[in-house]
Every structure is written in structure tokens, then in C-alpha cells.
PDB file of N, CA and C in Angstrom:
ATOM      1  N   MET A   1     -19.745  -9.100   6.950  1.00  0.00           N
ATOM      2  CA  MET A   1     -19.065  -8.003   5.984  1.00  0.00           C
ATOM      3  C   MET A   1     -18.552  -6.508   6.241  1.00  0.00           C
ATOM      4  N   LYS A   2     -16.958  -6.540   5.361  1.00  0.00           N
ATOM      5  CA  LYS A   2     -16.698  -5.189   5.873  1.00  0.00           C
ATOM      6  C   LYS A   2     -16.630  -4.449   4.669  1.00  0.00           C
ATOM      7  N   ARG A   3     -16.825  -3.720   4.272  1.00  0.00           N
ATOM      8  CA  ARG A   3     -15.748  -2.494   3.080  1.00  0.00           C
ATOM      9  C   ARG A   3     -14.509  -2.792   3.558  1.00  0.00           C
ATOM     10  N   VAL A   4     -13.540  -2.881   2.518  1.00  0.00           N
ATOM     11  CA  VAL A   4     -12.013  -2.709   2.408  1.00  0.00           C
ATOM     12  C   VAL A   4     -11.592  -1.795   1.489  1.00  0.00           C
ATOM     13  N   HIS A   5     -12.230  -1.057   0.496  1.00  0.00           N
ATOM     14  CA  HIS A   5     -12.096  -0.662  -0.595  1.00  0.00           C
ATOM     15  C   HIS A   5     -12.948   0.113  -1.548  1.00  0.00           C
ATOM     16  N   ILE A   6     -12.626   1.579  -1.780  1.00  0.00           N
ATOM     17  CA  ILE A   6     -13.611   2.015  -2.761  1.00  0.00           C
ATOM     18  C   ILE A   6     -12.768   2.266  -3.724  1.00  0.00           C
ATOM     19  N   ALA A   7     -13.243   1.673  -5.095  1.00  0.00           N
ATOM     20  CA  ALA A   7     -12.674   2.102  -6.148  1.00  0.00           C
ATOM     21  C   ALA A   7     -13.090   3.069  -7.269  1.00  0.00           C
ATOM     22  N   PRO A   8     -12.385   3.535  -8.196  1.00  0.00           N
ATOM     23  CA  PRO A   8     -12.291   4.460  -9.100  1.00  0.00           C
ATOM     24  C   PRO A   8     -13.162   4.123 -10.264  1.00  0.00           C
ATOM     25  N   THR A   9     -12.812   2.294 -10.616  1.00  0.00           N
ATOM     26  CA  THR A   9     -13.466   2.111 -11.774  1.00  0.00           C
ATOM     27  C   THR A   9     -13.869   0.353 -11.261  1.00  0.00           C
ATOM     28  N   LEU A  10     -14.321  -0.659 -11.751  1.00  0.00           N
ATOM     29  CA  LEU A  10     -15.068  -1.039 -11.716  1.00  0.00           C
ATOM     30  C   LEU A  10     -13.460  -2.311 -12.412  1.00  0.00           C
ATOM     31  N   LEU A  11     -12.537  -1.916 -13.204  1.00  0.00           N
ATOM     32  CA  LEU A  11     -11.245  -2.757 -13.334  1.00  0.00           C
ATOM     33  C   LEU A  11     -10.642  -2.636 -12.052  1.00  0.00           C
ATOM     34  N   ASP A  12     -10.596  -1.845 -11.558  1.00  0.00           N
ATOM     35  CA  ASP A  12      -9.333  -1.330  -9.817  1.00  0.00           C
ATOM     36  C   ASP A  12     -10.185  -2.261  -9.127  1.00  0.00           C
ATOM     37  N   ALA A  13     -11.822  -2.532  -9.313  1.00  0.00           N
ATOM     38  CA  ALA A  13     -12.209  -3.206  -7.900  1.00  0.00           C
ATOM     39  C   ALA A  13     -11.833  -4.862  -8.006  1.00  0.00           C
ATOM     40  N   GLN A  14     -11.678  -4.776  -9.423  1.00  0.00           N
ATOM     41  CA  GLN A  14     -11.446  -6.365  -9.686  1.00  0.00           C
ATOM     42  C   GLN A  14     -10.270  -6.624  -9.521  1.00  0.00           C
ATOM     43  N   LEU A  15      -9.320  -5.398  -9.593  1.00  0.00           N
ATOM     44  CA  LEU A  15      -7.836  -6.018  -9.395  1.00  0.00           C
ATOM     45  C   LEU A  15      -7.666  -6.041  -8.085  1.00  0.00           C
ATOM     46  N   ALA A  16      -8.307  -5.485  -7.283  1.00  0.00           N
ATOM     47  CA  ALA A  16      -8.252  -5.405  -5.795  1.00  0.00           C
ATOM     48  C   ALA A  16      -8.728  -7.319  -5.219  1.00  0.00           C
ATOM     49  N   ALA A  17      -9.871  -7.024  -5.900  1.00  0.00           N
ATOM     50  CA  ALA A  17     -10.437  -8.153  -5.414  1.00  0.00           C
ATOM     51  C   ALA A  17      -9.722  -9.627  -5.360  1.00  0.00           C
ATOM     52  N   ASP A  18      -9.239  -9.674  -6.763  1.00  0.00           N
ATOM     53  CA  ASP A  18      -8.283 -10.602  -7.161  1.00  0.00           C
ATOM     54  C   ASP A  18      -6.814 -10.644  -6.375  1.00  0.00           C
ATOM     55  N   ALA A  19      -6.272  -9.719  -5.829  1.00  0.00           N
ATOM     56  CA  ALA A  19      -5.346  -9.544  -5.283  1.00  0.00           C
ATOM     57  C   ALA A  19      -5.576 -10.491  -4.171  1.00  0.00           C
ATOM     58  N   LEU A  20      -6.448  -9.739  -3.156  1.00  0.00           N
ATOM     59  CA  LEU A  20      -7.054 -10.687  -1.922  1.00  0.00           C
ATOM     60  C   LEU A  20      -7.447 -11.807  -1.801  1.00  0.00           C
ATOM     61  N   SER A  21      -8.143 -12.157  -3.189  1.00  0.00           N
ATOM     62  CA  SER A  21      -8.761 -13.474  -3.377  1.00  0.00           C
ATOM     63  C   SER A  21      -7.737 -14.477  -3.357  1.00  0.00           C
ATOM     64  N   SER A  22      -6.630 -14.187  -3.779  1.00  0.00           N
ATOM     65  CA  SER A  22      -5.308 -15.048  -4.204  1.00  0.00           C
ATOM     66  C   SER A  22      -4.556 -15.502  -2.914  1.00  0.00           C
ATOM     67  N   LEU A  23      -4.967 -14.439  -1.799  1.00  0.00           N
ATOM     68  CA  LEU A  23      -4.476 -15.203  -0.576  1.00  0.00           C
ATOM     69  C   LEU A  23      -5.419 -15.358   0.605  1.00  0.00           C
ATOM     70  N   GLY A  24      -6.311 -15.884  -0.225  1.00  0.00           N
ATOM     71  CA  GLY A  24      -7.596 -16.537   0.181  1.00  0.00           C
ATOM     72  C   GLY A  24      -8.571 -15.586   1.414  1.00  0.00           C
ATOM     73  N   ILE A  25      -8.408 -14.494   0.932  1.00  0.00           N
ATOM     74  CA  ILE A  25      -9.501 -13.734   1.337  1.00  0.00           C
ATOM     75  C   ILE A  25     -10.514 -13.332   0.434  1.00  0.00           C
ATOM     76  N   VAL A  26     -11.680 -13.968   1.226  1.00  0.00           N
ATOM     77  CA  VAL A  26     -13.138 -13.810   0.365  1.00  0.00           C
ATOM     78  C   VAL A  26     -13.619 -12.669   0.451  1.00  0.00           C
ATOM     79  N   THR A  27     -13.739 -12.336  -1.064  1.00  0.00           N
ATOM     80  CA  THR A  27     -14.323 -10.688  -1.541  1.00  0.00           C
ATOM     81  C   THR A  27     -15.553 -10.891  -2.138  1.00  0.00           C
ATOM     82  N   HIS A  28     -15.850  -9.620  -2.194  1.00  0.00           N
ATOM     83  CA  HIS A  28     -17.424  -9.394  -3.054  1.00  0.00           C
ATOM     84  C   HIS A  28     -17.398  -7.558  -3.511  1.00  0.00           C
ATOM     85  N   ILE A  29     -17.627  -7.896  -4.664  1.00  0.00           N
ATOM     86  CA  ILE A  29     -17.659  -6.443  -5.558  1.00  0.00           C
ATOM     87  C   ILE A  29     -19.384  -6.058  -5.414  1.00  0.00           C
ATOM     88  N   LEU A  30     -19.378  -4.899  -4.574  1.00  0.00           N
ATOM     89  CA  LEU A  30     -20.797  -4.070  -4.712  1.00  0.00           C
ATOM     90  C   LEU A  30     -20.807  -2.867  -5.361  1.00  0.00           C
ATOM     91  N   ASN A  31     -22.003  -2.594  -5.965  1.00  0.00           N
ATOM     92  CA  ASN A  31     -21.982  -1.584  -6.922  1.00  0.00           C
ATOM     93  C   ASN A  31     -21.593  -1.703  -8.752  1.00  0.00           C
ATOM     94  N   ALA A  32     -21.295  -3.350  -8.831  1.00  0.00           N
ATOM     95  CA  ALA A  32     -20.742  -3.458 -10.058  1.00  0.00           C
ATOM     96  C   ALA A  32     -21.348  -2.750 -11.257  1.00  0.00           C
ATOM     97  N   ASN A  33     -22.636  -2.607 -11.373  1.00  0.00           N
ATOM     98  CA  ASN A  33     -23.113  -2.242 -12.301  1.00  0.00           C
ATOM     99  C   ASN A  33     -23.652  -1.151 -11.933  1.00  0.00           C
ATOM    100  N   ALA A  34     -23.358  -0.016 -10.876  1.00  0.00           N
ATOM    101  CA  ALA A  34     -24.174   1.206 -11.018  1.00  0.00           C
ATOM    102  C   ALA A  34     -23.605   2.318 -11.314  1.00  0.00           C
ATOM    103  N   ALA A  35     -22.854   2.140 -12.691  1.00  0.00           N
ATOM    104  CA  ALA A  35     -22.056   3.334 -13.135  1.00  0.00           C
ATOM    105  C   ALA A  35     -23.125   3.686 -13.987  1.00  0.00           C
ATOM    106  N   GLY A  36     -24.036   2.544 -14.270  1.00  0.00           N
ATOM    107  CA  GLY A  36     -25.207   3.247 -15.330  1.00  0.00           C
ATOM    108  C   GLY A  36     -26.006   4.296 -14.425  1.00  0.00           C
ATOM    109  N   ALA A  37     -26.008   4.262 -13.135  1.00  0.00           N
ATOM    110  CA  ALA A  37     -26.694   5.326 -12.558  1.00  0.00           C
ATOM    111  C   ALA A  37     -26.015   6.492 -12.031  1.00  0.00           C
ATOM    112  N   LEU A  38     -24.897   6.878 -12.258  1.00  0.00           N
ATOM    113  CA  LEU A  38     -24.180   8.201 -12.482  1.00  0.00           C
ATOM    114  C   LEU A  38     -25.075   9.044 -12.784  1.00  0.00           C
ATOM    115  N   GLY A  39     -25.374  10.184 -12.091  1.00  0.00           N
ATOM    116  CA  GLY A  39     -26.817  11.333 -12.323  1.00  0.00           C
ATOM    117  C   GLY A  39     -28.203  11.381 -11.420  1.00  0.00           C
ATOM    118  N   GLU A  40     -28.267   9.708 -11.453  1.00  0.00           N
ATOM    119  CA  GLU A  40     -29.473   9.661 -10.721  1.00  0.00           C
ATOM    120  C   GLU A  40     -29.287   9.633  -9.255  1.00  0.00           C
ATOM    121  N   VAL A  41     -28.117   8.844  -9.000  1.00  0.00           N
ATOM    122  CA  VAL A  41     -27.987   8.661  -7.745  1.00  0.00           C
ATOM    123  C   VAL A  41     -26.549   9.252  -7.278  1.00  0.00           C
ATOM    124  N   PRO A  42     -26.320   9.571  -6.060  1.00  0.00           N
ATOM    125  CA  PRO A  42     -24.512  10.181  -6.032  1.00  0.00           C
ATOM    126  C   PRO A  42     -23.528   9.653  -6.128  1.00  0.00           C
ATOM    127  N   PHE A  43     -22.477  10.555  -6.712  1.00  0.00           N
ATOM    128  CA  PHE A  43     -20.847   9.955  -7.093  1.00  0.00           C
ATOM    129  C   PHE A  43     -20.930   8.799  -6.281  1.00  0.00           C
ATOM    130  N   MET A  44     -20.687   8.945  -4.892  1.00  0.00           N
ATOM    131  CA  MET A  44     -19.765   8.213  -4.406  1.00  0.00           C
ATOM    132  C   MET A  44     -20.916   6.698  -3.936  1.00  0.00           C
ATOM    133  N   GLN A  45     -22.152   7.208  -4.138  1.00  0.00           N
ATOM    134  CA  GLN A  45     -23.020   5.653  -3.960  1.00  0.00           C
ATOM    135  C   GLN A  45     -22.967   4.943  -5.324  1.00  0.00           C
ATOM    136  N   ALA A  46     -22.156   5.166  -6.340  1.00  0.00           N
ATOM    137  CA  ALA A  46     -21.774   4.474  -7.876  1.00  0.00           C
ATOM    138  C   ALA A  46     -21.079   4.005  -8.083  1.00  0.00           C
ATOM    139  N   GLN A  47     -19.670   4.157  -6.718  1.00  0.00           N
ATOM    140  CA  GLN A  47     -18.256   3.425  -7.534  1.00  0.00           C
ATOM    141  C   GLN A  47     -18.173   2.277  -6.919  1.00  0.00           C
ATOM    142  N   PRO A  48     -17.806   1.437  -7.292  1.00  0.00           N
ATOM    143  CA  PRO A  48     -17.247   0.188  -7.186  1.00  0.00           C
ATOM    144  C   PRO A  48     -16.865  -0.233  -5.528  1.00  0.00           C
ATOM    145  N   GLU A  49     -17.223  -1.237  -4.840  1.00  0.00           N
ATOM    146  CA  GLU A  49     -16.998  -1.320  -3.335  1.00  0.00           C
ATOM    147  C   GLU A  49     -16.357  -2.678  -3.620  1.00  0.00           C
ATOM    148  N   VAL A  50     -14.915  -3.049  -2.624  1.00  0.00           N
ATOM    149  CA  VAL A  50     -14.732  -4.089  -2.612  1.00  0.00           C
ATOM    150  C   VAL A  50     -15.018  -4.855  -1.349  1.00  0.00           C
ATOM    151  N   TRP A  51     -15.615  -5.959  -0.446  1.00  0.00           N
ATOM    152  CA  TRP A  51     -15.934  -6.224   0.517  1.00  0.00           C
ATOM    153  C   TRP A  51     -15.416  -7.080   0.925  1.00  0.00           C
ATOM    154  N   VAL A  52     -15.011  -7.762   2.128  1.00  0.00           N
ATOM    155  CA  VAL A  52     -14.268  -8.934   2.560  1.00  0.00           C
ATOM    156  C   VAL A  52     -15.862  -9.862   3.530  1.00  0.00           C
ATOM    157  N   ASP A  53     -15.576 -10.849   3.332  1.00  0.00           N
ATOM    158  CA  ASP A  53     -16.699 -12.099   4.196  1.00  0.00           C
ATOM    159  C   ASP A  53     -16.498 -11.717   5.412  1.00  0.00           C
ATOM    160  N   ASP A  54     -15.266 -12.103   5.791  1.00  0.00           N
ATOM    161  CA  ASP A  54     -14.921 -12.035   7.368  1.00  0.00           C
ATOM    162  C   ASP A  54     -14.218 -10.703   7.890  1.00  0.00           C
ATOM    163  N   ASP A  55     -15.206 -10.729   8.962  1.00  0.00           N
ATOM    164  CA  ASP A  55     -14.755  -9.328   9.354  1.00  0.00           C
ATOM    165  C   ASP A  55     -13.359  -9.034   9.865  1.00  0.00           C
ATOM    166  N   ARG A  56     -12.940  -9.910  10.448  1.00  0.00           N
ATOM    167  CA  ARG A  56     -11.687 -10.245  11.178  1.00  0.00           C
ATOM    168  C   ARG A  56     -10.362 -10.087  10.587  1.00  0.00           C
ATOM    169  N   GLN A  57     -10.733 -10.214   8.696  1.00  0.00           N
ATOM    170  CA  GLN A  57      -9.658 -10.116   7.657  1.00  0.00           C
ATOM    171  C   GLN A  57      -9.760  -8.431   7.433  1.00  0.00           C
ATOM    172  N   ALA A  58     -10.503  -7.975   7.607  1.00  0.00           N
ATOM    173  CA  ALA A  58     -10.747  -6.644   7.055  1.00  0.00           C
ATOM    174  C   ALA A  58      -9.390  -5.736   7.526  1.00  0.00           C
ATOM    175  N   ALA A  59      -8.668  -5.475   8.268  1.00  0.00           N
ATOM    176  CA  ALA A  59      -7.773  -4.951   8.853  1.00  0.00           C
ATOM    177  C   ALA A  59      -6.779  -5.536   7.579  1.00  0.00           C
ATOM    178  N   ARG A  60      -6.408  -6.704   7.200  1.00  0.00           N
ATOM    179  CA  ARG A  60      -5.409  -7.281   6.838  1.00  0.00           C
ATOM    180  C   ARG A  60      -5.422  -7.026   5.109  1.00  0.00           C
ATOM    181  N   ALA A  61      -6.529  -6.864   5.061  1.00  0.00           N
ATOM    182  CA  ALA A  61      -7.074  -6.958   3.708  1.00  0.00           C
ATOM    183  C   ALA A  61      -6.650  -5.209   3.412  1.00  0.00           C
ATOM    184  N   ARG A  62      -6.981  -4.487   3.993  1.00  0.00           N
ATOM    185  CA  ARG A  62      -6.785  -2.934   4.011  1.00  0.00           C
ATOM    186  C   ARG A  62      -5.000  -2.473   3.809  1.00  0.00           C
ATOM    187  N   GLU A  63      -4.365  -3.203   4.980  1.00  0.00           N
ATOM    188  CA  GLU A  63      -3.152  -3.435   4.725  1.00  0.00           C
ATOM    189  C   GLU A  63      -2.462  -3.826   3.423  1.00  0.00           C
ATOM    190  N   ILE A  64      -2.758  -5.434   2.681  1.00  0.00           N
ATOM    191  CA  ILE A  64      -2.314  -5.816   1.185  1.00  0.00           C
ATOM    192  C   ILE A  64      -2.759  -5.189   0.460  1.00  0.00           C
ATOM    193  N   LEU A  65      -3.946  -3.634   0.444  1.00  0.00           N
ATOM    194  CA  LEU A  65      -3.957  -3.259  -0.402  1.00  0.00           C
ATOM    195  C   LEU A  65      -3.599  -1.793  -1.029  1.00  0.00           C
ATOM    196  N   ALA A  66      -2.765  -1.589   0.549  1.00  0.00           N
ATOM    197  CA  ALA A  66      -1.731  -0.378   0.610  1.00  0.00           C
ATOM    198  C   ALA A  66      -0.700  -0.812   0.404  1.00  0.00           C
ATOM    199  N   GLY A  67      -0.161  -1.935   0.648  1.00  0.00           N
ATOM    200  CA  GLY A  67       1.073  -2.456   0.149  1.00  0.00           C
ATOM    201  C   GLY A  67       1.065  -2.431  -1.348  1.00  0.00           C
ATOM    202  N   LEU A  68       0.100  -3.093  -2.083  1.00  0.00           N
ATOM    203  CA  LEU A  68       0.173  -2.765  -3.570  1.00  0.00           C
ATOM    204  C   LEU A  68       0.085  -1.383  -4.300  1.00  0.00           C
ATOM    205  N   ARG A  69      -0.572  -0.622  -3.631  1.00  0.00           N
ATOM    206  CA  ARG A  69      -0.556   0.703  -4.140  1.00  0.00           C
ATOM    207  C   ARG A  69       0.410   1.078  -3.848  1.00  0.00           C
ATOM    208  N   ASN A  70       1.518   1.452  -3.090  1.00  0.00           N
ATOM    209  CA  ASN A  70       3.078   1.265  -2.669  1.00  0.00           C
ATOM    210  C   ASN A  70       4.177   0.963  -2.942  1.00  0.00           C
ATOM    211  N   ALA A  71       3.531   0.024  -3.770  1.00  0.00           N
ATOM    212  CA  ALA A  71       4.782  -0.875  -4.208  1.00  0.00           C
ATOM    213  C   ALA A  71       5.422  -0.512  -5.462  1.00  0.00           C
ATOM    214  N   PRO A  72       6.757  -0.153  -5.474  1.00  0.00           N
ATOM    215  CA  PRO A  72       7.378   0.174  -6.635  1.00  0.00           C
ATOM    216  C   PRO A  72       7.089  -0.409  -7.808  1.00  0.00           C
ATOM    217  N   LEU A  73       7.850   0.089  -9.113  1.00  0.00           N
ATOM    218  CA  LEU A  73       7.618  -0.613 -10.260  1.00  0.00           C
ATOM    219  C   LEU A  73       8.638  -1.748 -10.311  1.00  0.00           C
ATOM    220  N   ARG A  74       8.301  -2.648 -10.749  1.00  0.00           N
ATOM    221  CA  ARG A  74       9.503  -3.382 -10.933  1.00  0.00           C
ATOM    222  C   ARG A  74      10.383  -3.876 -12.166  1.00  0.00           C
ATOM    223  N   ASP A  75      11.184  -3.850 -12.335  1.00  0.00           N
ATOM    224  CA  ASP A  75      11.980  -4.138 -13.922  1.00  0.00           C
ATOM    225  C   ASP A  75      11.899  -2.709 -14.479  1.00  0.00           C
ATOM    226  N   GLU A  76      12.162  -1.804 -13.872  1.00  0.00           N
ATOM    227  CA  GLU A  76      11.711  -0.252 -14.465  1.00  0.00           C
ATOM    228  C   GLU A  76      13.086  -0.299 -15.483  1.00  0.00           C
ATOM    229  N   LYS A  77      12.813   0.414 -16.662  1.00  0.00           N
ATOM    230  CA  LYS A  77      13.757   1.033 -17.594  1.00  0.00           C
ATOM    231  C   LYS A  77      13.882   2.520 -17.875  1.00  0.00           C
ATOM    232  N   ILE A  78      14.855   2.911 -17.607  1.00  0.00           N
ATOM    233  CA  ILE A  78      15.057   4.625 -17.914  1.00  0.00           C
ATOM    234  C   ILE A  78      15.354   4.730 -19.363  1.00  0.00           C
ATOM    235  N   CYS A  79      14.728   5.844 -19.704  1.00  0.00           N
ATOM    236  CA  CYS A  79      14.984   5.890 -21.088  1.00  0.00           C
ATOM    237  C   CYS A  79      16.326   6.856 -21.485  1.00  0.00           C
ATOM    238  N   PRO A  80      17.285   6.337 -22.336  1.00  0.00           N
ATOM    239  CA  PRO A  80      18.271   7.006 -22.287  1.00  0.00           C
ATOM    240  C   PRO A  80      18.412   8.449 -22.868  1.00  0.00           C
ATOM    241  N   GLN A  81      17.203   8.589 -23.504  1.00  0.00           N
ATOM    242  CA  GLN A  81      17.086   9.791 -24.619  1.00  0.00           C
ATOM    243  C   GLN A  81      16.443  10.885 -23.493  1.00  0.00           C
ATOM    244  N   CYS A  82      15.232  10.338 -22.776  1.00  0.00           N
ATOM    245  CA  CYS A  82      14.626  11.711 -21.400  1.00  0.00           C
ATOM    246  C   CYS A  82      14.976  11.302 -20.276  1.00  0.00           C
ATOM    247  N   GLY A  83      15.126   9.923 -20.087  1.00  0.00           N
ATOM    248  CA  GLY A  83      15.277   9.909 -18.567  1.00  0.00           C
ATOM    249  C   GLY A  83      14.034   9.512 -17.875  1.00  0.00           C
ATOM    250  N   GLU A  84      13.187   8.846 -18.572  1.00  0.00           N
ATOM    251  CA  GLU A  84      11.622   8.975 -17.801  1.00  0.00           C
ATOM    252  C   GLU A  84      11.659   7.560 -17.128  1.00  0.00           C
ATOM    253  N   ALA A  85      10.950   7.142 -16.393  1.00  0.00           N
ATOM    254  CA  ALA A  85      11.211   5.522 -15.675  1.00  0.00           C
ATOM    255  C   ALA A  85       9.728   5.071 -16.799  1.00  0.00           C
ATOM    256  N   ASN A  86      10.396   3.863 -16.917  1.00  0.00           N
ATOM    257  CA  ASN A  86       9.351   3.169 -18.046  1.00  0.00           C
ATOM    258  C   ASN A  86       8.993   1.739 -17.162  1.00  0.00           C
ATOM    259  N   PRO A  87       8.050   0.865 -17.346  1.00  0.00           N
ATOM    260  CA  PRO A  87       7.659  -0.639 -16.967  1.00  0.00           C
ATOM    261  C   PRO A  87       8.617  -1.541 -17.696  1.00  0.00           C
ATOM    262  N   GLY A  88       9.036  -2.441 -16.893  1.00  0.00           N
ATOM    263  CA  GLY A  88       9.994  -3.391 -17.472  1.00  0.00           C
ATOM    264  C   GLY A  88       9.602  -4.137 -19.027  1.00  0.00           C
ATOM    265  N   ASN A  89       8.399  -3.863 -18.859  1.00  0.00           N
ATOM    266  CA  ASN A  89       7.729  -4.815 -20.543  1.00  0.00           C
ATOM    267  C   ASN A  89       7.792  -3.698 -21.738  1.00  0.00           C
ATOM    268  N   PHE A  90       8.045  -2.505 -21.332  1.00  0.00           N
ATOM    269  CA  PHE A  90       7.877  -1.703 -22.878  1.00  0.00           C
ATOM    270  C   PHE A  90       8.822  -2.099 -23.478  1.00  0.00           C
ATOM    271  N   MET A  91       8.866  -1.936 -25.130  1.00  0.00           N
ATOM    272  CA  MET A  91       9.738  -1.296 -25.699  1.00  0.00           C
ATOM    273  C   MET A  91      10.567  -0.010 -26.052  1.00  0.00           C
ATOM    274  N   SER A  92       9.556   0.822 -26.056  1.00  0.00           N
ATOM    275  CA  SER A  92       9.942   2.468 -26.665  1.00  0.00           C
ATOM    276  C   SER A  92       9.319   3.227 -25.029  1.00  0.00           C
ATOM    277  N   CYS A  93       9.961   3.974 -25.150  1.00  0.00           N
ATOM    278  CA  CYS A  93       9.308   5.315 -24.093  1.00  0.00           C
ATOM    279  C   CYS A  93       7.863   5.622 -23.899  1.00  0.00           C
ATOM    280  N   TRP A  94       7.048   5.999 -22.903  1.00  0.00           N
ATOM    281  CA  TRP A  94       5.979   6.107 -22.889  1.00  0.00           C
ATOM    282  C   TRP A  94       5.769   7.888 -23.389  1.00  0.00           C
ATOM    283  N   GLN A  95       7.015   8.534 -23.302  1.00  0.00           N
ATOM    284  CA  GLN A  95       6.534   9.853 -23.340  1.00  0.00           C
ATOM    285  C   GLN A  95       7.629  10.344 -24.370  1.00  0.00           C
ATOM    286  N   CYS A  96       8.671   9.962 -24.448  1.00  0.00           N
ATOM    287  CA  CYS A  96       9.528  10.610 -26.093  1.00  0.00           C
ATOM    288  C   CYS A  96       9.329   9.692 -27.350  1.00  0.00           C
ATOM    289  N   GLY A  97       9.060   8.026 -26.874  1.00  0.00           N
ATOM    290  CA  GLY A  97       9.205   7.304 -28.094  1.00  0.00           C
ATOM    291  C   GLY A  97      10.406   6.596 -28.085  1.00  0.00           C
ATOM    292  N   GLY A  98      11.566   7.010 -27.816  1.00  0.00           N
ATOM    293  CA  GLY A  98      12.678   6.335 -27.572  1.00  0.00           C
ATOM    294  C   GLY A  98      12.486   4.809 -27.824  1.00  0.00           C
ATOM    295  N   ALA A  99      13.636   4.760 -28.385  1.00  0.00           N
ATOM    296  CA  ALA A  99      14.176   2.962 -27.960  1.00  0.00           C
ATOM    297  C   ALA A  99      14.119   2.774 -26.277  1.00  0.00           C
ATOM    298  N   LEU A 100      13.622   1.542 -25.390  1.00  0.00           N
ATOM    299  CA  LEU A 100      14.152   1.420 -24.470  1.00  0.00           C
ATOM    300  C   LEU A 100      15.517   0.532 -24.384  1.00  0.00           C
ATOM    301  N   PRO A 101      16.659   0.256 -23.717  1.00  0.00           N
ATOM    302  CA  PRO A 101      17.583  -0.818 -23.775  1.00  0.00           C
ATOM    303  C   PRO A 101      16.884  -2.558 -23.287  1.00  0.00           C
ATOM    304  N   ASP A 102      17.183  -3.084 -23.943  1.00  0.00           N
ATOM    305  CA  ASP A 102      17.013  -4.684 -22.843  1.00  0.00           C
ATOM    306  C   ASP A 102      17.339  -5.061 -22.086  1.00  0.00           C
TER     307      ASP A 102
END
């Protein structure tokens, strides 16, 4: 097994593991319940980690996760009032609250 991702939260770890699993890469999340130990153990030892079963898939898994981090937002809507970019499923601007175009 090889570690391919250290996540800031358990949700981030689960999203990464799900993305890899959907592509046929078997994953495990370690330190899933370690957040309760913060203060007793060093911070870096309590963060959730995503590991792959097959060492040969580690490089591919890292590339996939890097691609997801750098992927542009899809269906972006630009607010006509303040010019802020918003995700396509938003009805109002997250910054100014103005109505977004359909």
C-alpha cells in the first residue's frame, strides 16, 4: 500500500477515495477517526490519508487527484452586478447576493 493523499478533512479524503474508486483504483482511508486525538498526537499524524492497495497505481492515482484539484469550474456563471464567478448551480451570487442569469 502507498499513501497518495493527505487530506485536510475526512470529507476531502472521502471525495478523493471515491474519485479513485470510481476509476477502479482500490483505496483505503487511514486516520479516519484520528481527529479526536488532536492535541494528544502531532497534527500531521491525525490527518486523514488516502492509500491505494496496489503500489503500481500510486503514480496514476496522484495524477488523477492533481487533475481534479486543477480542474476548472464547470458551468460557471458570472454575476452581472459584481463580476464574481459562481458555480453553475447557484441562483444568486455568493458574494453580493445578486440574481444570476439562467
